[in-house]
Structure formats: C-alpha cells, structure tokens
N, C-alpha and C. Protein backbone atom coordinates (compact mmCIF):
# COMPACT_ATOMS: atom_id res chain seq x y z
N MET A 1 -45.24 22.98 42.23
CA MET A 1 -46.35 23.90 43.44
C MET A 1 -46.79 25.70 42.12
N TYR A 2 -47.87 25.93 42.52
CA TYR A 2 -48.12 26.82 41.47
C TYR A 2 -48.37 28.44 42.55
N LEU A 3 -47.66 29.32 42.00
CA LEU A 3 -47.82 30.89 42.79
C LEU A 3 -48.84 31.64 41.90
N GLY A 4 -49.39 31.49 40.57
CA GLY A 4 -49.51 32.67 39.91
C GLY A 4 -48.84 33.26 39.16
N TYR A 5 -47.51 32.39 38.67
CA TYR A 5 -47.34 33.61 38.42
C TYR A 5 -46.62 32.11 37.27
N LYS A 6 -47.02 33.42 35.78
CA LYS A 6 -46.32 31.88 34.16
C LYS A 6 -44.74 32.43 33.96
N ILE A 7 -43.99 31.48 33.91
CA ILE A 7 -42.85 31.52 33.93
C ILE A 7 -42.37 30.93 32.20
N GLY A 8 -41.63 30.90 31.47
CA GLY A 8 -41.74 31.05 30.77
C GLY A 8 -40.03 29.14 30.80
N GLU A 9 -40.30 28.11 30.43
CA GLU A 9 -38.68 27.52 30.41
C GLU A 9 -37.73 28.05 30.48
N THR A 10 -37.46 28.89 29.55
CA THR A 10 -35.46 28.90 28.99
C THR A 10 -35.26 30.02 30.18
N THR A 11 -36.49 30.72 31.42
CA THR A 11 -36.42 31.54 32.16
C THR A 11 -35.59 30.09 33.26
N VAL A 12 -36.71 29.12 33.78
CA VAL A 12 -36.48 27.86 35.24
C VAL A 12 -34.57 27.50 34.48
N ARG A 13 -34.78 27.68 32.93
CA ARG A 13 -33.28 26.84 32.99
C ARG A 13 -32.52 27.99 32.78
N ASN A 14 -32.21 29.12 33.10
CA ASN A 14 -31.59 30.01 33.36
C ASN A 14 -30.95 30.03 34.42
N ILE A 15 -32.18 30.01 34.91
CA ILE A 15 -31.67 30.47 36.69
C ILE A 15 -31.47 29.10 37.32
N LEU A 16 -31.12 27.84 36.93
CA LEU A 16 -30.85 26.45 37.39
C LEU A 16 -29.63 27.00 36.86
N THR A 17 -29.10 27.60 35.55
CA THR A 17 -27.45 26.59 34.73
C THR A 17 -27.11 28.26 36.66
N GLU A 18 -26.86 29.29 36.29
CA GLU A 18 -26.95 30.47 37.13
C GLU A 18 -26.36 29.31 38.95
N ASN A 19 -27.42 29.42 38.90
CA ASN A 19 -27.59 28.24 40.83
C ASN A 19 -25.97 26.97 39.95
N GLY A 20 -25.65 26.73 39.53
CA GLY A 20 -25.26 25.60 39.00
C GLY A 20 -25.76 23.97 38.51
N TYR A 21 -27.34 23.91 38.05
CA TYR A 21 -27.83 22.80 39.05
C TYR A 21 -27.53 22.84 37.03
N ASP A 22 -27.50 21.30 36.79
CA ASP A 22 -27.71 20.99 35.43
C ASP A 22 -29.46 21.07 35.11
N PRO A 23 -30.28 21.59 34.56
CA PRO A 23 -31.98 21.58 34.08
C PRO A 23 -31.85 20.19 33.23
N GLU A 24 -31.19 20.18 32.40
CA GLU A 24 -31.75 18.95 31.68
C GLU A 24 -30.55 17.59 32.70
N PRO A 25 -30.76 17.43 34.22
CA PRO A 25 -29.52 15.87 33.79
C PRO A 25 -30.20 14.78 33.39
N ASP A 26 -29.39 14.26 33.25
CA ASP A 26 -28.81 12.21 32.66
C ASP A 26 -30.07 11.59 34.09
N LEU A 27 -30.98 12.12 33.70
CA LEU A 27 -32.25 10.46 34.35
C LEU A 27 -32.18 9.00 34.48
N THR A 28 -30.89 8.46 33.09
CA THR A 28 -30.05 7.27 33.28
C THR A 28 -29.84 6.42 34.32
N VAL A 29 -28.81 7.81 35.16
CA VAL A 29 -27.42 7.73 35.35
C VAL A 29 -28.42 8.05 36.91
N GLY A 30 -27.59 6.97 37.46
CA GLY A 30 -28.23 6.91 39.64
C GLY A 30 -27.41 6.81 40.26
N THR A 31 -27.18 7.17 41.57
CA THR A 31 -26.68 6.46 42.11
C THR A 31 -26.73 5.10 41.86
N THR A 32 -25.19 3.95 42.27
CA THR A 32 -26.42 2.41 43.42
C THR A 32 -26.16 2.17 44.60
N TRP A 33 -26.35 1.38 44.66
CA TRP A 33 -26.68 1.34 46.20
C TRP A 33 -24.86 1.00 47.05
N LYS A 34 -24.14 0.91 46.08
CA LYS A 34 -22.97 1.00 46.60
C LYS A 34 -22.71 2.47 46.92
N GLN A 35 -22.75 3.18 45.45
CA GLN A 35 -22.33 4.49 46.25
C GLN A 35 -22.72 5.20 46.82
N PHE A 36 -23.92 4.93 47.57
CA PHE A 36 -24.58 5.50 48.69
C PHE A 36 -23.77 5.25 49.42
N LEU A 37 -23.31 4.51 49.94
CA LEU A 37 -23.32 3.33 51.77
C LEU A 37 -21.41 3.93 51.29
N SER A 38 -20.40 4.51 49.87
CA SER A 38 -19.48 4.57 50.56
C SER A 38 -19.72 6.29 50.56
N SER A 39 -20.61 6.56 50.20
CA SER A 39 -20.65 8.42 50.19
C SER A 39 -21.05 8.77 51.53
N HIS A 40 -21.66 8.24 52.62
CA HIS A 40 -22.06 8.45 53.53
C HIS A 40 -21.60 7.21 54.93
N TRP A 41 -20.53 7.09 53.79
CA TRP A 41 -19.85 5.43 55.18
C TRP A 41 -21.02 6.80 57.17
N ASN A 42 -19.23 7.58 57.75
CA ASN A 42 -20.10 7.87 59.11
C ASN A 42 -20.98 8.73 59.66
N VAL A 43 -21.97 8.78 58.54
CA VAL A 43 -23.26 8.89 58.95
C VAL A 43 -24.46 7.65 59.26
N LEU A 44 -24.11 6.13 58.99
CA LEU A 44 -24.70 4.88 58.21
C LEU A 44 -24.83 3.89 59.79
N ALA A 45 -26.53 4.01 60.32
CA ALA A 45 -26.04 2.43 60.09
C ALA A 45 -27.63 1.77 60.66
N ALA A 46 -27.29 0.49 60.85
CA ALA A 46 -27.75 -0.81 60.50
C ALA A 46 -28.67 -1.27 61.50
N CYS A 47 -29.64 -2.19 61.08
CA CYS A 47 -30.02 -3.19 62.67
C CYS A 47 -30.92 -3.82 62.04
N ASP A 48 -30.61 -5.77 62.51
CA ASP A 48 -31.22 -6.40 62.26
C ASP A 48 -31.61 -7.23 63.14
N PHE A 49 -32.39 -8.36 62.28
CA PHE A 49 -32.21 -9.86 63.79
C PHE A 49 -31.51 -11.10 63.30
N PHE A 50 -31.30 -11.85 63.88
CA PHE A 50 -30.95 -13.51 63.78
C PHE A 50 -31.62 -13.99 64.94
N SER A 51 -32.31 -15.18 64.84
CA SER A 51 -31.99 -15.82 65.65
C SER A 51 -31.76 -16.69 66.68
N ILE A 52 -31.97 -17.61 67.57
CA ILE A 52 -31.31 -18.18 68.57
C ILE A 52 -32.03 -19.14 69.08
N GLU A 53 -32.15 -20.22 69.04
CA GLU A 53 -32.26 -21.32 70.31
C GLU A 53 -31.23 -21.55 71.38
N LEU A 54 -31.85 -20.85 72.59
CA LEU A 54 -31.95 -21.36 73.85
C LEU A 54 -32.53 -22.12 74.27
N LEU A 55 -31.91 -23.34 75.24
CA LEU A 55 -31.96 -24.41 75.94
C LEU A 55 -32.20 -23.87 77.47
N VAL A 56 -33.62 -23.73 78.68
CA VAL A 56 -34.48 -23.07 78.25
C VAL A 56 -35.28 -24.23 79.48
N ARG A 57 -34.85 -25.11 80.91
CA ARG A 57 -35.26 -25.24 81.88
C ARG A 57 -36.00 -26.98 81.19
N GLY A 58 -35.03 -27.33 80.09
CA GLY A 58 -34.91 -28.17 79.57
C GLY A 58 -35.65 -28.19 77.82
N LYS A 59 -35.72 -26.59 77.93
CA LYS A 59 -36.82 -26.96 76.60
C LYS A 59 -35.96 -25.72 75.51
N LEU A 60 -36.32 -26.11 74.07
CA LEU A 60 -35.02 -25.01 73.53
C LEU A 60 -36.91 -24.37 72.88
N VAL A 61 -35.59 -22.62 72.82
CA VAL A 61 -37.24 -21.86 73.10
C VAL A 61 -36.57 -20.24 71.88
N ARG A 62 -36.83 -20.26 70.62
CA ARG A 62 -36.57 -19.77 70.19
C ARG A 62 -36.69 -18.33 70.46
N CYS A 63 -35.35 -17.19 70.51
CA CYS A 63 -35.87 -16.59 71.17
C CYS A 63 -35.30 -15.20 69.79
N PHE A 64 -35.47 -14.18 69.42
CA PHE A 64 -35.36 -13.70 68.25
C PHE A 64 -34.12 -12.35 68.81
N VAL A 65 -33.07 -11.34 68.09
CA VAL A 65 -31.80 -10.59 69.07
C VAL A 65 -31.78 -10.28 68.08
N LEU A 66 -31.87 -8.84 68.52
CA LEU A 66 -32.02 -6.75 67.72
C LEU A 66 -30.61 -6.57 67.74
N PHE A 67 -29.83 -6.37 66.51
CA PHE A 67 -28.45 -6.26 67.43
C PHE A 67 -28.73 -4.85 65.99
N ALA A 68 -27.61 -3.68 66.03
CA ALA A 68 -27.31 -2.97 65.52
C ALA A 68 -25.99 -2.41 65.04
N ILE A 69 -25.39 -1.88 63.66
CA ILE A 69 -23.36 -1.88 63.66
C ILE A 69 -23.25 -0.39 63.38
N LYS A 70 -22.74 0.25 63.68
CA LYS A 70 -22.13 1.64 62.75
C LYS A 70 -21.51 1.09 62.36
N LEU A 71 -22.03 1.75 61.05
CA LEU A 71 -20.51 1.16 59.95
C LEU A 71 -19.41 1.37 59.37
N SER A 72 -18.85 2.62 60.20
CA SER A 72 -17.97 3.45 59.70
C SER A 72 -16.31 2.43 60.68
N THR A 73 -17.34 2.09 61.86
CA THR A 73 -16.62 1.80 62.82
C THR A 73 -16.78 0.15 62.50
N ARG A 74 -18.00 -0.07 63.20
CA ARG A 74 -18.63 -1.66 62.79
C ARG A 74 -18.23 -2.76 64.17
N LYS A 75 -19.15 -1.61 64.96
CA LYS A 75 -19.96 -1.11 66.02
C LYS A 75 -20.89 -2.07 66.10
N LEU A 76 -20.73 -3.11 66.56
CA LEU A 76 -21.91 -3.71 67.04
C LEU A 76 -22.27 -3.33 68.50
N GLU A 77 -23.56 -3.46 68.58
CA GLU A 77 -24.38 -3.11 69.92
C GLU A 77 -25.97 -4.37 69.86
N LEU A 78 -26.00 -5.05 70.78
CA LEU A 78 -26.43 -5.86 71.00
C LEU A 78 -28.04 -5.02 71.67
N LEU A 79 -28.83 -5.18 71.02
CA LEU A 79 -30.13 -3.83 71.52
C LEU A 79 -31.01 -4.68 72.44
N GLY A 80 -31.94 -6.23 72.17
CA GLY A 80 -32.29 -7.09 73.07
C GLY A 80 -32.34 -8.93 72.90
N ILE A 81 -33.11 -9.30 73.22
CA ILE A 81 -33.52 -10.97 73.07
C ILE A 81 -34.85 -10.67 73.78
N LYS A 82 -35.28 -11.47 72.43
CA LYS A 82 -37.12 -10.95 72.81
C LYS A 82 -37.35 -12.81 72.16
N PRO A 83 -38.10 -13.30 72.91
CA PRO A 83 -39.22 -15.07 72.32
C PRO A 83 -39.41 -14.04 71.42
N GLN A 84 -41.04 -13.42 71.84
CA GLN A 84 -41.38 -12.65 70.73
C GLN A 84 -41.79 -11.18 71.10
N PRO A 85 -40.73 -10.76 70.14
CA PRO A 85 -40.60 -9.19 70.58
C PRO A 85 -42.78 -8.82 69.48
N ASP A 86 -42.51 -7.57 70.05
CA ASP A 86 -44.36 -6.88 69.79
C ASP A 86 -43.70 -5.87 69.43
N GLY A 87 -44.72 -4.91 69.79
CA GLY A 87 -44.80 -3.11 69.61
C GLY A 87 -44.28 -2.39 70.25
N ARG A 88 -44.71 -2.82 71.76
CA ARG A 88 -44.03 -1.92 72.76
C ARG A 88 -42.22 -2.69 72.99
N TRP A 89 -42.43 -3.27 73.26
CA TRP A 89 -40.83 -4.17 73.14
C TRP A 89 -39.49 -2.53 72.40
N MET A 90 -40.23 -3.01 70.49
CA MET A 90 -39.44 -2.11 69.69
C MET A 90 -39.48 -0.91 70.17
N ALA A 91 -40.91 0.13 70.19
CA ALA A 91 -40.76 1.59 70.59
C ALA A 91 -39.68 1.55 71.55
N GLN A 92 -39.78 0.43 73.30
CA GLN A 92 -38.62 0.86 73.92
C GLN A 92 -36.79 0.69 73.55
N ILE A 93 -37.27 0.30 72.53
CA ILE A 93 -35.08 0.03 71.28
C ILE A 93 -34.80 0.94 70.71
N ALA A 94 -36.75 1.78 70.16
CA ALA A 94 -36.05 3.08 69.30
C ALA A 94 -35.48 3.87 70.61
N TRP A 95 -36.96 3.90 70.92
CA TRP A 95 -36.96 5.61 72.73
C TRP A 95 -35.34 5.36 73.29
N ASN A 96 -34.36 3.70 73.33
CA ASN A 96 -33.27 3.79 73.94
C ASN A 96 -31.83 4.12 72.70
N MET A 97 -32.53 3.98 71.27
CA MET A 97 -31.51 4.41 70.97
C MET A 97 -31.47 5.29 70.10
N ALA A 98 -32.88 6.55 70.49
CA ALA A 98 -33.20 7.94 70.22
C ALA A 98 -32.36 8.45 70.33
N ASN A 99 -32.28 8.26 72.25
CA ASN A 99 -31.43 9.22 72.98
C ASN A 99 -30.16 9.95 72.94
N GLU A 100 -30.03 10.87 73.74
CA GLU A 100 -28.33 11.89 73.14
C GLU A 100 -27.24 10.77 73.50
N GLU A 101 -27.57 9.81 74.37
CA GLU A 101 -26.28 8.88 74.27
C GLU A 101 -26.85 7.91 73.57
N GLY A 102 -28.20 7.39 72.80
CA GLY A 102 -28.47 5.98 72.03
C GLY A 102 -27.23 5.41 70.63
N PHE A 103 -26.72 4.41 70.51
CA PHE A 103 -26.10 4.42 69.47
C PHE A 103 -26.69 5.08 68.27
N LEU A 104 -27.89 5.82 67.85
CA LEU A 104 -27.96 7.07 67.37
C LEU A 104 -26.91 8.26 66.96
N ALA A 105 -26.69 7.98 67.86
CA ALA A 105 -26.08 10.03 68.43
C ALA A 105 -24.70 9.66 67.42
N GLY A 106 -24.99 11.27 66.36
CA GLY A 106 -24.27 11.17 65.27
C GLY A 106 -24.39 10.96 63.70
N GLN A 107 -25.26 9.84 63.86
CA GLN A 107 -25.55 8.99 62.73
C GLN A 107 -26.50 10.01 61.59
N ARG A 108 -26.62 9.15 60.24
CA ARG A 108 -28.03 10.39 59.62
C ARG A 108 -28.70 9.63 59.49
N PHE A 109 -28.55 7.99 58.64
CA PHE A 109 -29.44 7.48 58.04
C PHE A 109 -29.57 6.71 58.15
N PHE A 110 -30.61 5.50 58.45
CA PHE A 110 -30.62 3.55 59.60
C PHE A 110 -31.64 3.42 58.96
N ILE A 111 -30.30 2.59 58.43
CA ILE A 111 -31.17 0.90 57.45
C ILE A 111 -31.19 0.52 58.33
N HIS A 112 -32.57 -0.69 58.11
CA HIS A 112 -33.13 -1.30 58.43
C HIS A 112 -34.40 -2.37 57.68
N ASP A 113 -34.26 -3.29 57.77
CA ASP A 113 -35.22 -4.22 57.30
C ASP A 113 -37.66 -3.69 57.50
N ASN A 114 -38.38 -4.37 56.67
CA ASN A 114 -39.44 -3.86 56.79
C ASN A 114 -40.04 -4.36 58.56
N LEU A 115 -39.65 -4.03 59.28
CA LEU A 115 -40.73 -4.22 61.10
C LEU A 115 -41.23 -3.94 61.45
N ALA A 116 -42.43 -3.52 59.73
CA ALA A 116 -43.64 -2.97 60.22
C ALA A 116 -44.89 -3.72 61.18
N THR A 117 -44.35 -5.08 60.91
CA THR A 117 -44.64 -6.54 61.97
C THR A 117 -44.97 -6.76 63.21
N LEU A 118 -43.33 -5.57 63.31
CA LEU A 118 -43.15 -5.37 64.89
C LEU A 118 -43.58 -3.62 65.54
N LEU A 119 -43.21 -2.67 64.20
CA LEU A 119 -43.45 -1.79 65.06
C LEU A 119 -44.90 -0.81 65.02
N PRO A 120 -45.50 -0.69 65.97
CA PRO A 120 -46.81 0.23 65.84
C PRO A 120 -47.37 1.43 64.67
N CYS A 121 -46.15 1.67 64.69
CA CYS A 121 -46.06 2.72 63.47
C CYS A 121 -44.15 2.79 62.73
N ARG A 122 -44.31 3.01 61.73
CA ARG A 122 -43.19 3.54 62.01
C ARG A 122 -42.62 4.83 60.53
N PRO A 123 -42.31 6.04 62.44
CA PRO A 123 -42.50 7.34 61.88
C PRO A 123 -41.31 7.98 61.18
N PRO A 124 -41.68 9.12 59.70
CA PRO A 124 -39.91 9.08 59.65
C PRO A 124 -38.72 9.45 59.72
N LYS A 125 -38.56 9.88 60.85
CA LYS A 125 -37.84 10.11 61.46
C LYS A 125 -38.07 9.55 63.14
N ILE A 126 -36.68 9.04 63.08
CA ILE A 126 -36.45 7.70 64.45
C ILE A 126 -35.88 8.93 65.62
N LYS A 127 -35.25 9.76 65.42
CA LYS A 127 -34.83 10.68 66.52
C LYS A 127 -34.19 11.76 64.79
N ALA A 128 -34.44 12.94 65.34
CA ALA A 128 -34.70 13.95 64.60
C ALA A 128 -33.17 14.46 63.79
N GLY A 129 -33.35 14.88 62.87
CA GLY A 129 -32.04 14.53 61.56
C GLY A 129 -31.65 13.41 61.59
N THR A 130 -32.43 12.15 62.30
CA THR A 130 -32.25 10.35 61.52
C THR A 130 -32.96 10.69 60.65
N ASP A 131 -32.90 10.08 58.88
CA ASP A 131 -33.63 9.28 58.50
C ASP A 131 -33.78 7.69 58.28
N ALA A 132 -34.79 6.59 58.93
CA ALA A 132 -35.06 5.77 58.24
C ALA A 132 -35.44 5.31 57.26
N THR A 133 -34.14 4.39 57.14
CA THR A 133 -34.69 4.00 55.76
C THR A 133 -34.77 2.81 55.82
N VAL A 134 -36.15 1.96 54.47
CA VAL A 134 -36.09 0.97 54.58
C VAL A 134 -35.03 0.32 53.72
N CYS A 135 -34.13 -1.10 54.41
CA CYS A 135 -33.34 -1.36 52.94
C CYS A 135 -34.52 -2.67 52.12
N PRO A 136 -33.37 -2.23 50.89
CA PRO A 136 -34.37 -3.10 49.41
C PRO A 136 -34.41 -3.93 49.35
N CYS A 137 -34.29 -4.83 49.80
CA CYS A 137 -33.97 -6.44 50.86
C CYS A 137 -35.26 -7.34 50.36
C-alpha cells in the first residue's frame, strides 16, 4: 500500500523488531498441514461426499451422502442424501449448517473439497467468522 511517505528499510526493520516481528522470516520453513490441523483442532469442521447404492422399487439407485465432522470431538452429522445433488440443494445445506444452531456453530475453519460443480457460487465465508478452505487434495 502506498501512502505517499518514503520510509527507509532500517526504519521498517526497527518498527517490526520493536513490535516483536522478525524482519527477515525464514520463508523456507512453513506450517505443515499436520501442524495446522493440530493447532486449530478445536475450531475445525470438514465435510465430504460418499456414494451408496440403494434398492428403490427393484432398481439400484446411486445416491450421494453429504456428511460433516467436527474434528476435535469426531462428531458426525448427516447433512443430506440425494440422487443428484445440485446447487439449490447445496445452498440449503450450507444455510442449515451456518445458522446459529447449525453444525458450524463455534467452528472457525471449514474444510471441504472442490464442490464448485455443486455450488452456484462459493463464498469466501460460509458463515460470519468461518473461513471455507478447499482441501489440498
């Protein structure tokens, strides 16, 4: 950000040091996925799909099951079962999860895979204070 002031590198270094920040952090050392999970365990929730075959009127029908898990307690919640999930259905599920008594109450991070084919739009925050994070898989 440019504010119209010229500040020397030494001044920036001194301000960072005085406030407890390393002016030259080691960028080769990063947080691993395991470290992130363990340090945020109590505020993490995740969801995913799996498919099942149901016998309906003598025919096998493939249905998709959406579930969520609170990682700290390993509490699972069945969010819905549908033969062909679509954006409207996913929007309703997101609304149900994000309300005050929903599954995301008290959760800061929500991890999911790339559901872009099902969501009409993927907002950066599914609920105020909850960051939706796409799983790196």
